[in-house]
Amino acid sequence: MVRAGERLVERIEALVEEMGRLRADNDDLRRQVRDAVSLLERAASAAAEPHGRRRHGPTDAVGAPPRRRRPRVRGARGRATPPEVTTQVVEAALAKLGEGTAAEIAAEITRAGVRVSGRAIRFLAERAGAETYRGDDGQRRYRLPRR
């Protein structure tokens, strides 16, 4: 009975940690959405100005050739997962833990010094060859294959 209570407390503590990480990720996403909305609002207001009021420079007159647009850059947000977090890092964390959820693996890597989310770990764990299974609690868990 005591062991079951301890396991329950451990699970609750893990959930609290995961909620903290999710809130931090959520704050980052909110900031990015606010920046994107601000950018769209500025672009819309610039597009709504009459042609005569735009400030393009002295050569911009009626009948002047249209300005060239810069090509769209794909992946402007950059890589979501830090480059230091590789499949080998995920394997090492799994070897240390034995098994765990993506959040637990991410917490282990974060304790080692590189902040990473559970979402990134799900992707990397599969690429690392980890076995995926449903735990007793219904969560997706990862472990290294037995050799």
C-alpha atoms as a PDB file:
ATOM      1  CA  MET A   1       0.000   0.000   0.000  1.00  0.00           C
ATOM      2  CA  VAL A   2       2.846   2.358   0.880  1.00  0.00           C
ATOM      3  CA  ARG A   3       4.628   1.566  -2.405  1.00  0.00           C
ATOM      4  CA  ALA A   4       1.474   2.296  -4.359  1.00  0.00           C
ATOM      5  CA  GLY A   5       1.176   5.629  -2.547  1.00  0.00           C
ATOM      6  CA  GLU A   6       4.824   6.448  -3.289  1.00  0.00           C
ATOM      7  CA  ARG A   7       4.345   5.593  -6.958  1.00  0.00           C
ATOM      8  CA  LEU A   8       1.279   7.817  -7.065  1.00  0.00           C
ATOM      9  CA  VAL A   9       3.233  10.682  -5.503  1.00  0.00           C
ATOM     10  CA  GLU A  10       6.059  10.179  -8.041  1.00  0.00           C
ATOM     11  CA  ARG A  11       3.578  10.266 -10.908  1.00  0.00           C
ATOM     12  CA  ILE A  12       1.974  13.418  -9.557  1.00  0.00           C
ATOM     13  CA  GLU A  13       5.395  15.069  -9.194  1.00  0.00           C
ATOM     14  CA  ALA A  14       6.254  14.088 -12.776  1.00  0.00           C
ATOM     15  CA  LEU A  15       2.946  15.571 -13.955  1.00  0.00           C
ATOM     16  CA  VAL A  16       3.669  18.796 -12.075  1.00  0.00           C
ATOM     17  CA  GLU A  17       7.101  19.023 -13.733  1.00  0.00           C
ATOM     18  CA  GLU A  18       5.565  18.332 -17.144  1.00  0.00           C
ATOM     19  CA  MET A  19       2.945  21.040 -16.557  1.00  0.00           C
ATOM     20  CA  GLY A  20       5.728  23.504 -15.780  1.00  0.00           C
ATOM     21  CA  ARG A  21       7.526  22.625 -19.005  1.00  0.00           C
ATOM     22  CA  LEU A  22       4.297  22.826 -20.991  1.00  0.00           C
ATOM     23  CA  ARG A  23       3.515  26.244 -19.511  1.00  0.00           C
ATOM     24  CA  ALA A  24       6.977  27.497 -20.487  1.00  0.00           C
ATOM     25  CA  ASP A  25       6.512  26.128 -24.024  1.00  0.00           C
ATOM     26  CA  ASN A  26       3.052  27.693 -24.125  1.00  0.00           C
ATOM     27  CA  ASP A  27       4.487  31.086 -23.109  1.00  0.00           C
ATOM     28  CA  ASP A  28       7.036  30.846 -25.920  1.00  0.00           C
ATOM     29  CA  LEU A  29       4.309  29.976 -28.423  1.00  0.00           C
ATOM     30  CA  ARG A  30       2.112  32.853 -27.228  1.00  0.00           C
ATOM     31  CA  ARG A  31       5.022  35.265 -27.693  1.00  0.00           C
ATOM     32  CA  GLN A  32       5.606  33.963 -31.222  1.00  0.00           C
ATOM     33  CA  VAL A  33       1.903  34.303 -32.078  1.00  0.00           C
ATOM     34  CA  ARG A  34       1.851  37.875 -30.719  1.00  0.00           C
ATOM     35  CA  ASP A  35       4.878  38.750 -32.851  1.00  0.00           C
ATOM     36  CA  ALA A  36       3.294  37.177 -35.929  1.00  0.00           C
ATOM     37  CA  VAL A  37      -0.008  39.027 -35.375  1.00  0.00           C
ATOM     38  CA  SER A  38       1.881  42.292 -34.946  1.00  0.00           C
ATOM     39  CA  LEU A  39       3.778  41.659 -38.170  1.00  0.00           C
ATOM     40  CA  LEU A  40       0.548  40.874 -40.036  1.00  0.00           C
ATOM     41  CA  GLU A  41      -1.124  44.013 -38.676  1.00  0.00           C
ATOM     42  CA  ARG A  42       1.790  46.181 -39.822  1.00  0.00           C
ATOM     43  CA  ALA A  43       1.754  44.535 -43.243  1.00  0.00           C
ATOM     44  CA  ALA A  44      -2.012  45.029 -43.574  1.00  0.00           C
ATOM     45  CA  SER A  45      -1.823  48.693 -42.598  1.00  0.00           C
ATOM     46  CA  ALA A  46       1.051  49.259 -45.049  1.00  0.00           C
ATOM     47  CA  ALA A  47      -0.919  47.567 -47.828  1.00  0.00           C
ATOM     48  CA  ALA A  48      -4.017  49.661 -47.045  1.00  0.00           C
ATOM     49  CA  GLU A  49      -2.208  52.996 -47.565  1.00  0.00           C
ATOM     50  CA  PRO A  50      -2.926  54.688 -50.892  1.00  0.00           C
ATOM     51  CA  HIS A  51      -0.115  54.368 -53.442  1.00  0.00           C
ATOM     52  CA  GLY A  52       0.764  58.063 -53.303  1.00  0.00           C
ATOM     53  CA  ARG A  53       1.462  57.964 -49.563  1.00  0.00           C
ATOM     54  CA  ARG A  54       3.958  55.107 -49.613  1.00  0.00           C
ATOM     55  CA  ARG A  55       7.549  56.054 -49.044  1.00  0.00           C
ATOM     56  CA  HIS A  56       9.678  54.040 -51.413  1.00  0.00           C
ATOM     57  CA  GLY A  57      12.201  56.658 -52.458  1.00  0.00           C
ATOM     58  CA  PRO A  58      12.711  59.395 -55.013  1.00  0.00           C
ATOM     59  CA  THR A  59      12.535  57.119 -58.072  1.00  0.00           C
ATOM     60  CA  ASP A  60       9.159  55.689 -57.109  1.00  0.00           C
ATOM     61  CA  ALA A  61       6.682  57.578 -59.240  1.00  0.00           C
ATOM     62  CA  VAL A  62       3.581  56.801 -61.227  1.00  0.00           C
ATOM     63  CA  GLY A  63       4.584  54.443 -64.013  1.00  0.00           C
ATOM     64  CA  ALA A  64       7.775  53.328 -62.282  1.00  0.00           C
ATOM     65  CA  PRO A  65       8.498  49.601 -62.442  1.00  0.00           C
ATOM     66  CA  PRO A  66       7.293  47.642 -59.411  1.00  0.00           C
ATOM     67  CA  ARG A  67       9.806  46.921 -56.711  1.00  0.00           C
ATOM     68  CA  ARG A  68      11.296  43.469 -56.506  1.00  0.00           C
ATOM     69  CA  ARG A  69      10.210  41.301 -53.654  1.00  0.00           C
ATOM     70  CA  ARG A  70      12.673  39.331 -51.622  1.00  0.00           C
ATOM     71  CA  PRO A  71      12.218  35.577 -52.008  1.00  0.00           C
ATOM     72  CA  ARG A  72      10.433  33.860 -49.174  1.00  0.00           C
ATOM     73  CA  VAL A  73      12.798  32.129 -46.813  1.00  0.00           C
ATOM     74  CA  ARG A  74      11.554  28.753 -45.614  1.00  0.00           C
ATOM     75  CA  GLY A  75      12.175  27.683 -42.077  1.00  0.00           C
ATOM     76  CA  ALA A  76      12.594  31.237 -40.838  1.00  0.00           C
ATOM     77  CA  ARG A  77      11.735  30.170 -37.290  1.00  0.00           C
ATOM     78  CA  GLY A  78      14.744  27.904 -37.165  1.00  0.00           C
ATOM     79  CA  ARG A  79      15.159  24.512 -35.644  1.00  0.00           C
ATOM     80  CA  ALA A  80      12.866  23.794 -32.711  1.00  0.00           C
ATOM     81  CA  THR A  81      15.121  21.135 -31.221  1.00  0.00           C
ATOM     82  CA  PRO A  82      18.568  22.286 -30.077  1.00  0.00           C
ATOM     83  CA  PRO A  83      21.303  20.873 -32.326  1.00  0.00           C
ATOM     84  CA  GLU A  84      23.026  19.367 -29.273  1.00  0.00           C
ATOM     85  CA  VAL A  85      20.083  16.997 -28.775  1.00  0.00           C
ATOM     86  CA  THR A  86      20.670  14.061 -31.104  1.00  0.00           C
ATOM     87  CA  THR A  87      19.480  10.495 -31.259  1.00  0.00           C
ATOM     88  CA  GLN A  88      22.672   9.515 -29.406  1.00  0.00           C
ATOM     89  CA  VAL A  89      21.786  11.887 -26.540  1.00  0.00           C
ATOM     90  CA  VAL A  90      18.299  10.359 -26.348  1.00  0.00           C
ATOM     91  CA  GLU A  91      19.821   6.857 -26.344  1.00  0.00           C
ATOM     92  CA  ALA A  92      22.160   7.839 -23.507  1.00  0.00           C
ATOM     93  CA  ALA A  93      19.276   9.244 -21.464  1.00  0.00           C
ATOM     94  CA  LEU A  94      17.247   6.088 -22.094  1.00  0.00           C
ATOM     95  CA  ALA A  95      20.215   3.934 -21.093  1.00  0.00           C
ATOM     96  CA  LYS A  96      20.435   5.870 -17.835  1.00  0.00           C
ATOM     97  CA  LEU A  97      16.690   5.773 -17.125  1.00  0.00           C
ATOM     98  CA  GLY A  98      16.033   2.276 -18.490  1.00  0.00           C
ATOM     99  CA  GLU A  99      12.637   3.414 -19.761  1.00  0.00           C
ATOM    100  CA  GLY A 100      10.492   6.503 -19.579  1.00  0.00           C
ATOM    101  CA  THR A 101       7.984   8.827 -21.146  1.00  0.00           C
ATOM    102  CA  ALA A 102       9.081  11.530 -23.535  1.00  0.00           C
ATOM    103  CA  ALA A 103       8.660  14.066 -20.722  1.00  0.00           C
ATOM    104  CA  GLU A 104      10.870  12.060 -18.379  1.00  0.00           C
ATOM    105  CA  ILE A 105      13.562  11.691 -21.040  1.00  0.00           C
ATOM    106  CA  ALA A 106      13.336  15.407 -21.812  1.00  0.00           C
ATOM    107  CA  ALA A 107      13.664  16.207 -18.102  1.00  0.00           C
ATOM    108  CA  GLU A 108      16.788  14.057 -17.890  1.00  0.00           C
ATOM    109  CA  ILE A 109      18.373  15.806 -20.877  1.00  0.00           C
ATOM    110  CA  THR A 110      17.338  19.210 -19.506  1.00  0.00           C
ATOM    111  CA  ARG A 111      18.997  18.359 -16.178  1.00  0.00           C
ATOM    112  CA  ALA A 112      22.151  17.618 -18.164  1.00  0.00           C
ATOM    113  CA  GLY A 113      22.117  21.196 -19.454  1.00  0.00           C
ATOM    114  CA  VAL A 114      20.154  21.379 -22.720  1.00  0.00           C
ATOM    115  CA  ARG A 115      16.504  22.458 -22.561  1.00  0.00           C
ATOM    116  CA  VAL A 116      14.342  20.251 -24.765  1.00  0.00           C
ATOM    117  CA  SER A 117      10.639  19.418 -24.953  1.00  0.00           C
ATOM    118  CA  GLY A 118       8.916  16.059 -24.807  1.00  0.00           C
ATOM    119  CA  ARG A 119       7.532  16.643 -28.303  1.00  0.00           C
ATOM    120  CA  ALA A 120      11.058  16.686 -29.724  1.00  0.00           C
ATOM    121  CA  ILE A 121      11.950  13.565 -27.757  1.00  0.00           C
ATOM    122  CA  ARG A 122       9.039  11.607 -29.245  1.00  0.00           C
ATOM    123  CA  PHE A 123      10.458  12.258 -32.696  1.00  0.00           C
ATOM    124  CA  LEU A 124      14.075  11.529 -31.743  1.00  0.00           C
ATOM    125  CA  ALA A 125      13.335   8.408 -29.690  1.00  0.00           C
ATOM    126  CA  GLU A 126      11.728   6.737 -32.686  1.00  0.00           C
ATOM    127  CA  ARG A 127      14.731   7.685 -34.838  1.00  0.00           C
ATOM    128  CA  ALA A 128      17.055   6.283 -32.155  1.00  0.00           C
ATOM    129  CA  GLY A 129      15.367   2.885 -32.486  1.00  0.00           C
ATOM    130  CA  ALA A 130      13.660   2.927 -29.105  1.00  0.00           C
ATOM    131  CA  GLU A 131      10.779   0.552 -28.565  1.00  0.00           C
ATOM    132  CA  THR A 132       7.461   2.269 -27.946  1.00  0.00           C
ATOM    133  CA  TYR A 133       4.772   0.785 -25.733  1.00  0.00           C
ATOM    134  CA  ARG A 134       1.837   1.865 -23.567  1.00  0.00           C
ATOM    135  CA  GLY A 135       2.568   1.830 -19.861  1.00  0.00           C
ATOM    136  CA  ASP A 136       0.161   0.833 -17.111  1.00  0.00           C
ATOM    137  CA  ASP A 137      -0.801   4.487 -16.791  1.00  0.00           C
ATOM    138  CA  GLY A 138      -1.737   4.678 -20.491  1.00  0.00           C
ATOM    139  CA  GLN A 139       1.186   6.896 -21.422  1.00  0.00           C
ATOM    140  CA  ARG A 140       3.487   6.176 -24.327  1.00  0.00           C
ATOM    141  CA  ARG A 141       6.810   4.934 -22.975  1.00  0.00           C
ATOM    142  CA  TYR A 142      10.159   4.308 -24.603  1.00  0.00           C
ATOM    143  CA  ARG A 143      12.918   1.807 -23.887  1.00  0.00           C
ATOM    144  CA  LEU A 144      15.982   0.616 -25.719  1.00  0.00           C
ATOM    145  CA  PRO A 145      15.604  -2.745 -27.456  1.00  0.00           C
ATOM    146  CA  ARG A 146      17.121  -5.690 -25.599  1.00  0.00           C
ATOM    147  CA  ARG A 147      20.324  -6.897 -27.119  1.00  0.00           C
END
